[in-house]
Amino acid sequence: MIDHVAGVSQQAAATALGKAKQRYEFPKTARGEDCLALSSDVMRVRSDPASAARLKKISAIRAELNAGTYLTPQKLDRALDRALDELAQ
């Protein structure tokens, strides 16, 4: 019988899981329904102006990736120039 994985006993893992379940309140949903529970840390980050700007930029990049317009010849040239500069040092 295995009672330790990566140095953690089954009892310690069960205790940590129990504490995590107590820390976060998981909403009850009907079987088959999707649910998203956000921690207070996520809510704090979402209200930070710098984080909002970062999320907006990430959203714009994802849209460009989905549209196939993110990778441009100019971006490739810039990346290649930076890589060559790094190798030259």
Protein backbone atom coordinates (compact mmCIF):
# COMPACT_ATOMS: atom_id res chain seq x y z
CA MET A 1 0.00 0.00 0.00
CA ILE A 2 1.30 3.47 -0.87
CA ASP A 3 0.89 5.95 1.96
CA HIS A 4 3.22 8.73 0.73
CA VAL A 5 3.43 10.45 -2.65
CA ALA A 6 6.18 13.01 -3.24
CA GLY A 7 6.84 13.07 0.49
CA VAL A 8 3.20 13.84 1.40
CA SER A 9 1.12 11.34 3.33
CA GLN A 10 -2.46 10.58 2.35
CA GLN A 11 -3.61 11.95 5.68
CA ALA A 12 -1.75 15.26 5.17
CA ALA A 13 -3.18 15.58 1.66
CA ALA A 14 -6.71 14.92 2.95
CA THR A 15 -6.23 17.49 5.72
CA ALA A 16 -5.00 20.12 3.24
CA LEU A 17 -7.93 19.41 0.92
CA GLY A 18 -10.37 19.73 3.82
CA LYS A 19 -8.89 23.10 4.78
CA ALA A 20 -9.08 24.30 1.17
CA LYS A 21 -12.74 23.32 0.99
CA GLN A 22 -13.42 25.23 4.21
CA ARG A 23 -11.57 28.32 2.92
CA TYR A 24 -13.55 28.59 -0.29
CA GLU A 25 -17.28 28.36 -0.57
CA PHE A 26 -18.16 26.26 -3.57
CA PRO A 27 -21.60 26.96 -5.04
CA LYS A 28 -24.01 24.07 -5.34
CA THR A 29 -25.06 23.32 -8.90
CA ALA A 30 -27.28 20.78 -10.57
CA ARG A 31 -25.51 17.91 -12.29
CA GLY A 32 -24.27 18.95 -15.71
CA GLU A 33 -24.25 22.70 -15.00
CA ASP A 34 -21.07 24.72 -15.33
CA CYS A 35 -20.05 26.96 -12.46
CA LEU A 36 -17.23 29.43 -11.84
CA ALA A 37 -16.18 30.43 -8.33
CA LEU A 38 -13.74 33.35 -8.04
CA SER A 39 -11.64 33.88 -4.94
CA SER A 40 -11.38 37.26 -3.26
CA ASP A 41 -7.83 37.52 -4.66
CA VAL A 42 -9.16 37.35 -8.21
CA MET A 43 -11.80 39.94 -7.45
CA ARG A 44 -9.13 42.28 -6.00
CA VAL A 45 -6.92 41.88 -9.08
CA ARG A 46 -9.85 42.50 -11.40
CA SER A 47 -10.58 45.82 -9.69
CA ASP A 48 -6.95 47.04 -9.94
CA PRO A 49 -6.55 49.57 -12.83
CA ALA A 50 -3.18 48.11 -13.86
CA SER A 51 -4.69 44.63 -13.96
CA ALA A 52 -7.64 45.89 -16.00
CA ALA A 53 -5.22 47.32 -18.57
CA ARG A 54 -3.30 44.03 -18.64
CA LEU A 55 -6.51 42.04 -19.12
CA LYS A 56 -7.54 44.38 -21.94
CA LYS A 57 -4.19 43.83 -23.66
CA ILE A 58 -4.44 40.05 -23.23
CA SER A 59 -7.93 40.12 -24.71
CA ALA A 60 -6.70 42.12 -27.71
CA ILE A 61 -3.81 39.70 -28.30
CA ARG A 62 -6.15 36.70 -28.08
CA ALA A 63 -8.44 38.32 -30.65
CA GLU A 64 -5.47 38.90 -32.98
CA LEU A 65 -4.32 35.29 -32.52
CA ASN A 66 -7.81 33.98 -33.30
CA ALA A 67 -8.02 36.22 -36.38
CA GLY A 68 -4.55 35.15 -37.54
CA THR A 69 -3.27 38.74 -37.54
CA TYR A 70 -0.97 38.70 -34.49
CA LEU A 71 2.21 37.52 -36.18
CA THR A 72 3.32 40.24 -38.61
CA PRO A 73 6.56 40.59 -40.60
CA GLN A 74 7.47 43.59 -38.43
CA LYS A 75 7.09 41.57 -35.22
CA LEU A 76 9.15 38.73 -36.69
CA ASP A 77 11.91 41.17 -37.74
CA ARG A 78 11.96 42.74 -34.28
CA ALA A 79 12.12 39.33 -32.57
CA LEU A 80 14.90 38.16 -34.88
CA ASP A 81 16.88 41.39 -34.31
CA ARG A 82 16.56 40.95 -30.54
CA ALA A 83 17.64 37.32 -30.73
CA LEU A 84 20.68 38.18 -32.87
CA ASP A 85 21.61 41.02 -30.49
CA GLU A 86 21.37 38.62 -27.56
CA LEU A 87 23.60 36.08 -29.33
CA ALA A 88 26.17 38.77 -30.21
CA GLN A 89 26.71 39.69 -26.55
